[in-house]
Protein backbone atom coordinates (compact mmCIF):
# COMPACT_ATOMS: atom_id res chain seq x y z
CA MET A 1 -22.50 -35.97 27.39
CA SER A 2 -21.23 -32.80 25.80
CA PHE A 3 -23.00 -30.91 23.14
CA PRO A 4 -21.36 -28.61 20.50
CA ARG A 5 -21.36 -24.97 21.47
CA PRO A 6 -24.03 -23.05 19.62
CA PRO A 7 -22.75 -20.48 17.23
CA LEU A 8 -22.74 -16.92 18.48
CA PRO A 9 -21.80 -14.68 15.56
CA ARG A 10 -19.99 -11.37 16.61
CA PRO A 11 -19.93 -9.27 13.42
CA ALA A 12 -19.32 -5.95 15.29
CA ALA A 13 -16.33 -7.36 17.15
CA ILE A 14 -14.74 -8.85 13.97
CA ALA A 15 -15.43 -5.57 12.12
CA HIS A 16 -13.49 -3.57 14.81
CA TRP A 17 -10.72 -6.11 14.68
CA LEU A 18 -10.46 -5.78 10.84
CA LEU A 19 -10.31 -2.01 11.12
CA PHE A 20 -7.41 -2.31 13.59
CA ILE A 21 -5.62 -4.58 11.11
CA ALA A 22 -6.26 -1.98 8.38
CA ALA A 23 -4.60 0.64 10.60
CA LEU A 24 -1.56 -1.66 11.09
CA VAL A 25 -1.31 -2.17 7.33
CA PHE A 26 -1.55 1.65 6.88
CA ALA A 27 1.35 2.08 9.26
CA MET A 28 3.35 -0.53 7.24
CA VAL A 29 2.62 1.39 4.03
CA VAL A 30 4.02 4.53 5.74
CA VAL A 31 7.11 2.74 7.03
CA GLY A 32 7.50 1.17 3.52
CA GLY A 33 7.59 4.62 2.01
CA ILE A 34 10.33 5.76 4.50
CA THR A 35 12.27 2.59 3.68
CA ARG A 36 12.14 3.36 0.03
CA LEU A 37 12.98 7.02 0.28
CA THR A 38 15.98 6.35 2.63
CA GLU A 39 17.23 3.62 0.18
CA SER A 40 16.97 1.08 2.97
CA GLY A 41 15.15 -1.70 1.25
CA LEU A 42 18.20 -3.78 0.28
CA SER A 43 19.99 -3.55 3.65
CA ILE A 44 18.76 -7.05 4.71
CA THR A 45 19.90 -9.47 2.04
CA GLU A 46 18.25 -12.60 3.36
CA TRP A 47 14.65 -13.62 3.98
CA LYS A 48 14.31 -15.49 7.27
CA PRO A 49 10.61 -15.33 8.25
CA VAL A 50 11.28 -16.88 11.72
CA THR A 51 14.89 -16.49 12.70
CA GLY A 52 14.99 -13.03 11.11
CA THR A 53 12.58 -11.72 13.75
CA LEU A 54 15.55 -10.62 15.87
CA PRO A 55 18.03 -7.97 14.69
CA PRO A 56 21.82 -8.42 15.14
CA LEU A 57 22.43 -8.47 18.90
CA ASN A 58 26.20 -7.88 19.11
CA GLU A 59 29.07 -6.27 17.16
CA ALA A 60 30.01 -9.56 15.41
CA ALA A 61 26.47 -10.13 14.21
CA TRP A 62 26.34 -6.54 12.97
CA LEU A 63 29.61 -6.92 11.06
CA GLU A 64 28.35 -10.12 9.51
CA ALA A 65 25.19 -8.38 8.29
CA PHE A 66 27.23 -5.46 7.00
CA ALA A 67 29.60 -7.73 5.08
CA LYS A 68 26.63 -9.41 3.34
CA TYR A 69 25.29 -6.00 2.31
CA GLN A 70 28.77 -5.10 1.00
CA GLN A 71 28.51 -7.92 -1.56
CA ILE A 72 25.54 -6.37 -3.49
CA PRO A 73 25.73 -3.84 -6.33
CA GLU A 74 24.08 -1.09 -4.25
CA TYR A 75 27.09 -0.92 -1.91
CA SER A 76 29.78 -1.26 -4.44
CA GLN A 77 28.31 1.20 -6.95
CA ILE A 78 26.56 3.78 -4.69
CA ASN A 79 27.41 3.29 -0.98
CA GLN A 80 31.09 2.32 -1.19
CA GLY A 81 32.80 3.39 2.09
CA MET A 82 29.55 3.64 4.05
CA SER A 83 30.17 3.36 7.88
CA LEU A 84 28.65 0.79 10.12
CA ALA A 85 26.63 3.49 11.82
CA ASP A 86 25.14 4.45 8.42
CA PHE A 87 24.37 0.90 7.66
CA LYS A 88 22.63 0.49 11.00
CA PHE A 89 20.38 3.42 10.07
CA ILE A 90 19.20 1.85 6.81
CA PHE A 91 18.94 -1.55 8.46
CA PHE A 92 16.61 -0.17 11.08
CA TRP A 93 13.96 0.95 8.59
CA GLU A 94 13.99 -2.28 6.65
CA TYR A 95 14.00 -4.30 9.77
CA LEU A 96 11.01 -2.27 11.15
CA HIS A 97 9.19 -2.85 7.90
CA ARG A 98 9.60 -6.58 8.10
CA LEU A 99 8.86 -6.65 11.73
CA LEU A 100 5.49 -4.84 11.21
CA GLY A 101 4.65 -7.53 8.57
CA ARG A 102 5.17 -10.28 11.18
CA VAL A 103 3.14 -8.34 13.77
CA ILE A 104 0.27 -8.00 11.22
CA GLY A 105 0.44 -11.65 10.44
CA MET A 106 0.18 -12.65 14.06
CA ALA A 107 -2.50 -9.97 14.79
CA PHE A 108 -4.60 -11.41 12.03
CA ALA A 109 -4.02 -15.10 12.39
CA LEU A 110 -4.46 -15.59 16.09
CA PRO A 111 -7.74 -13.69 16.56
CA LEU A 112 -8.98 -15.38 13.41
CA ILE A 113 -8.37 -18.79 14.94
CA TRP A 114 -10.04 -17.64 18.16
CA PHE A 115 -13.14 -16.28 16.36
CA ALA A 116 -13.40 -19.48 14.40
CA TRP A 117 -12.97 -21.66 17.53
CA ARG A 118 -15.77 -19.64 19.31
CA ARG A 119 -17.93 -20.01 16.16
CA ALA A 120 -18.19 -16.22 16.18
CA ILE A 121 -17.70 -15.78 12.40
CA PRO A 122 -20.99 -15.11 10.62
CA LYS A 123 -22.10 -17.53 7.88
CA GLY A 124 -20.29 -16.87 4.57
CA TYR A 125 -17.53 -14.74 5.93
CA GLY A 126 -14.99 -17.44 6.84
CA PRO A 127 -13.67 -17.99 3.38
CA ARG A 128 -13.26 -14.14 2.94
CA LEU A 129 -11.33 -13.80 6.11
CA VAL A 130 -9.07 -16.74 5.17
CA ALA A 131 -8.57 -15.19 1.75
CA LEU A 132 -7.48 -11.93 3.34
CA LEU A 133 -5.08 -13.80 5.58
CA ALA A 134 -3.64 -15.63 2.55
CA LEU A 135 -3.26 -12.34 0.70
CA GLY A 136 -1.30 -10.99 3.64
CA GLY A 137 1.00 -14.06 3.53
CA LEU A 138 1.42 -13.59 -0.24
CA GLN A 139 2.39 -9.98 0.36
CA GLY A 140 5.33 -11.07 2.46
CA ALA A 141 6.53 -13.37 -0.47
CA ILE A 142 6.04 -10.58 -2.89
CA GLY A 143 8.12 -8.33 -0.65
CA TRP A 144 11.09 -10.75 -0.84
CA TRP A 145 10.54 -11.26 -4.64
CA MET A 146 10.84 -7.49 -4.91
CA VAL A 147 13.98 -7.28 -2.74
CA LYS A 148 15.67 -10.14 -4.63
CA SER A 149 15.49 -8.12 -7.89
CA GLY A 150 18.01 -5.66 -6.40
CA LEU A 151 20.55 -7.97 -4.93
CA THR A 152 22.45 -9.15 -8.00
CA LEU A 153 22.54 -7.10 -11.19
CA ARG A 154 20.74 -3.90 -10.15
CA THR A 155 21.37 -1.22 -7.58
CA ASP A 156 17.64 -0.92 -6.75
CA VAL A 157 14.56 -3.03 -6.95
CA SER A 158 12.41 -3.65 -10.05
CA HIS A 159 9.80 -0.88 -10.27
CA PHE A 160 7.36 -3.52 -11.66
CA ARG A 161 7.81 -5.62 -8.49
CA LEU A 162 7.63 -2.60 -6.31
CA ALA A 163 4.27 -1.64 -7.92
CA VAL A 164 2.91 -5.20 -7.32
CA HIS A 165 4.08 -4.87 -3.64
CA LEU A 166 2.53 -1.53 -2.99
CA LEU A 167 -0.72 -2.18 -4.87
CA THR A 168 -1.23 -5.49 -3.03
CA ALA A 169 -0.88 -3.61 0.26
CA LEU A 170 -3.48 -1.08 -0.80
CA LEU A 171 -5.74 -3.89 -1.95
CA ILE A 172 -5.46 -5.48 1.45
CA ILE A 173 -6.49 -2.12 3.13
CA GLY A 174 -9.42 -1.86 0.74
CA GLY A 175 -10.45 -5.52 1.35
CA LEU A 176 -10.21 -5.19 5.14
CA ILE A 177 -12.35 -2.00 5.14
CA TRP A 178 -14.96 -3.39 2.79
CA THR A 179 -15.33 -6.52 4.87
CA ALA A 180 -15.51 -4.57 8.03
CA LEU A 181 -18.28 -2.41 6.63
CA ASP A 182 -20.20 -5.41 5.55
CA LEU A 183 -19.92 -6.82 9.04
CA LYS A 184 -20.98 -3.57 10.62
CA ALA A 185 -24.08 -3.59 8.48
CA LEU A 186 -24.74 -7.14 9.48
CA ALA A 187 -24.48 -6.24 13.12
CA ALA A 188 -27.01 -3.46 12.71
CA ASP A 189 -29.39 -5.68 10.56
CA PRO A 190 -29.12 -9.53 10.65
CA ALA A 191 -30.87 -9.57 7.18
CA ALA A 192 -28.16 -7.29 5.58
CA ARG A 193 -26.47 -8.55 2.49
CA PRO A 194 -22.81 -7.89 1.50
CA ALA A 195 -22.24 -4.78 -0.71
CA ARG A 196 -21.65 -5.30 -4.39
CA LEU A 197 -19.13 -3.47 -6.61
CA THR A 198 -21.30 -1.52 -9.07
CA ALA A 199 -20.35 -0.78 -12.68
CA PHE A 200 -19.73 2.86 -11.69
CA GLY A 201 -17.72 1.70 -8.73
CA LEU A 202 -15.57 -0.47 -11.04
CA PHE A 203 -15.05 2.59 -13.26
CA VAL A 204 -13.86 4.64 -10.38
CA ALA A 205 -11.61 1.84 -9.04
CA VAL A 206 -9.87 1.40 -12.43
CA ILE A 207 -9.16 5.07 -12.68
CA LEU A 208 -7.71 5.06 -9.19
CA LEU A 209 -5.75 1.95 -9.91
CA ILE A 210 -4.07 3.61 -12.92
CA GLN A 211 -3.03 6.56 -10.79
CA LEU A 212 -1.71 4.33 -8.06
CA LEU A 213 0.11 2.16 -10.57
CA PHE A 214 1.97 5.20 -12.07
CA GLY A 215 2.67 6.52 -8.61
CA ALA A 216 4.42 3.22 -7.81
CA PHE A 217 6.34 3.41 -11.09
CA THR A 218 7.30 7.08 -10.24
CA ALA A 219 8.58 5.89 -6.89
CA GLY A 220 10.36 2.81 -8.22
CA LEU A 221 12.21 4.74 -11.00
CA ASN A 222 12.85 7.86 -8.94
CA ALA A 223 10.92 9.65 -11.71
CA GLY A 224 9.86 12.45 -9.29
CA TYR A 225 13.43 13.82 -9.59
CA VAL A 226 13.19 14.53 -13.35
CA SER A 227 11.34 17.81 -12.72
CA ASN A 228 10.91 20.08 -9.66
CA THR A 229 8.59 22.59 -11.35
CA TRP A 230 4.85 22.69 -11.59
CA PRO A 231 2.56 22.85 -13.56
CA LEU A 232 5.16 22.73 -16.41
CA MET A 233 7.88 20.13 -16.43
CA ASN A 234 11.19 22.09 -16.83
CA ASP A 235 9.30 24.84 -18.75
CA HIS A 236 7.46 22.44 -21.06
CA LEU A 237 3.92 21.03 -20.84
CA PHE A 238 5.09 17.78 -22.34
CA PRO A 239 8.45 16.80 -20.96
CA GLN A 240 11.66 17.06 -22.98
CA GLY A 241 13.89 14.01 -22.46
CA VAL A 242 11.47 11.22 -23.18
CA THR A 243 13.38 8.17 -24.58
CA TRP A 244 11.19 6.21 -26.88
CA LEU A 245 11.95 2.45 -26.24
CA GLY A 246 10.64 0.77 -29.35
CA SER A 247 6.97 0.62 -28.48
CA ALA A 248 4.37 2.80 -26.71
CA VAL A 249 3.84 0.27 -24.07
CA ALA A 250 7.56 -0.10 -23.21
CA THR A 251 8.03 3.66 -23.12
CA ILE A 252 4.95 4.27 -20.92
CA ALA A 253 6.09 1.53 -18.46
CA ASN A 254 9.80 2.52 -18.33
CA ASP A 255 10.52 6.07 -19.19
CA PRO A 256 10.91 8.29 -16.06
CA PHE A 257 9.86 11.46 -17.83
CA LEU A 258 6.71 10.01 -19.43
CA ILE A 259 5.74 8.15 -16.19
CA HIS A 260 6.11 11.43 -14.19
CA PHE A 261 4.01 13.25 -16.77
CA ILE A 262 1.27 10.69 -16.72
CA HIS A 263 1.18 10.51 -12.89
CA ARG A 264 0.90 14.29 -12.37
CA TRP A 265 -1.94 14.74 -14.96
CA TRP A 266 -3.92 11.53 -14.43
CA ALA A 267 -4.25 12.73 -10.88
CA TRP A 268 -6.92 15.28 -12.15
CA VAL A 269 -8.85 12.42 -13.87
CA ALA A 270 -8.70 10.59 -10.44
CA LEU A 271 -9.90 13.75 -8.76
CA ILE A 272 -12.93 14.07 -11.07
CA ALA A 273 -13.90 10.45 -10.72
CA LEU A 274 -13.59 10.50 -6.90
CA ALA A 275 -15.59 13.78 -6.77
CA MET A 276 -18.34 12.01 -8.81
CA LEU A 277 -18.21 9.17 -6.24
CA ALA A 278 -18.39 11.51 -3.30
CA ARG A 279 -21.41 13.17 -4.89
CA ARG A 280 -23.23 9.86 -5.10
CA VAL A 281 -22.21 8.90 -1.58
CA LYS A 282 -23.66 12.18 -0.31
CA ALA A 283 -26.89 11.55 -2.18
CA ALA A 284 -27.00 8.17 -0.49
CA GLY A 285 -27.10 9.95 2.87
CA VAL A 286 -23.64 9.13 4.13
CA ARG A 287 -22.06 12.58 4.26
CA PRO A 288 -19.01 11.58 6.43
CA ALA A 289 -17.86 9.23 3.68
CA SER A 290 -18.32 11.98 1.07
CA ILE A 291 -16.22 14.42 3.27
CA ALA A 292 -13.55 11.74 3.72
CA ILE A 293 -13.23 11.27 -0.07
CA HIS A 294 -13.00 14.95 -0.77
CA SER A 295 -10.53 15.62 2.00
CA ALA A 296 -8.31 12.71 1.07
CA ILE A 297 -8.03 13.46 -2.71
CA GLY A 298 -7.74 17.21 -2.17
CA THR A 299 -4.93 16.80 0.29
CA GLN A 300 -3.23 14.19 -1.93
CA ILE A 301 -3.19 16.58 -4.95
CA LEU A 302 -1.63 19.37 -2.81
CA LEU A 303 0.94 16.97 -1.37
CA GLY A 304 1.78 15.66 -4.83
CA ILE A 305 2.48 19.23 -5.99
CA ALA A 306 4.51 19.97 -2.78
CA THR A 307 6.54 16.74 -3.39
CA VAL A 308 7.57 18.04 -6.73
CA LEU A 309 8.33 21.64 -5.71
CA THR A 310 10.39 20.48 -2.72
CA GLY A 311 12.58 18.24 -4.84
CA ILE A 312 11.17 15.10 -3.28
CA SER A 313 11.50 16.08 0.34
CA LEU A 314 11.58 13.00 2.57
CA TRP A 315 8.73 13.81 4.90
CA VAL A 316 6.48 15.50 2.21
CA SER A 317 6.93 12.37 0.08
CA VAL A 318 6.12 10.08 3.05
CA LEU A 319 2.96 12.11 3.70
CA HIS A 320 2.10 11.74 -0.02
CA GLN A 321 2.27 7.97 0.22
CA ALA A 322 0.37 7.95 3.53
CA VAL A 323 -2.42 10.07 2.23
CA GLY A 324 -2.52 7.91 -0.93
CA ALA A 325 -3.41 4.96 1.34
CA LEU A 326 -6.16 7.18 2.94
CA VAL A 327 -7.46 7.93 -0.61
CA VAL A 328 -7.85 4.14 -1.11
CA ALA A 329 -9.48 3.77 2.30
CA SER A 330 -11.96 6.56 1.72
CA ALA A 331 -12.71 5.33 -1.85
CA ALA A 332 -13.42 1.85 -0.44
CA TRP A 333 -15.84 3.37 2.00
CA GLY A 334 -17.61 5.30 -0.71
CA LEU A 335 -17.75 2.39 -3.10
CA HIS A 336 -19.20 0.29 -0.32
CA VAL A 337 -21.93 2.86 0.33
CA ILE A 338 -23.10 2.79 -3.24
CA GLY A 339 -22.63 -0.97 -3.24
CA ARG A 340 -24.91 -1.36 -0.27
CA ARG A 341 -27.71 0.43 -2.19
CA GLN A 342 -27.18 -1.99 -5.08
CA ALA A 343 -27.33 -4.99 -2.65
CA ARG A 344 -30.67 -3.74 -1.24
């Protein structure tokens, strides 16, 4: 007669696994930035989650993929006459971006099944882990929804859909880190309760979310190119060239000059809010998290200025997006620290 295996929760092991997944998502955010900056995102015009795992393997397959790309507005209006070699370059970045998404899905789903089978998931954490997996799956669908917006009438993707895609990725990073920290606390103290998002934490998160949203809009509309001077925008504090689009909301959401202006100056609001967070984190006795927040936001401000002054240099811009993800990661750490105090 067999008896069910007794549960043996392994919160520390699950926490380390989640941090590894967060690192993979960070890598995907970086590759996504390169994909956007090299205008590679529309090079694959189909979404084949399974059969699309392999790239074209012979000349005929490459020519077929190139022929499909030649049917979309980006080719006919911008890249007319592109060589097959140039197409292979942009195809590589979009393919790598999608491949990383598949790797992350497998790296999350298979260990999750194993931990569940071994009954190693602590009580109450199963639904949260499944939700994170579902959010990752949704992110893949959002990515295709974004790409579809640039395949028919436009030469690029919708900046609104790009914002949803990027912010969802950053939300996943924050969720993975928050859950990992909860599990690490549980490993150290079996009586530990999950951290809570405090009112102050929500305040900081909203300020950061606004900055990230306008960063995504800036990227999606190529609004960084409207000015390569700092602190003034083409010799003006408030930019000349704003096109008012009937309402304040429409203008704020669509005008490149105004979006660039908001993004560069709201950054200082985010800096103050995160400095306040770092101060509370230090007072809570977790100095490494405080240092991480200060370092990330300080570096991000400098990279933002450098991105403008270099005329949107590819690698400076990529670093700017990468450190933006680190700002989110460090903020999640800090918000968790003060949320742990609230939970206690």
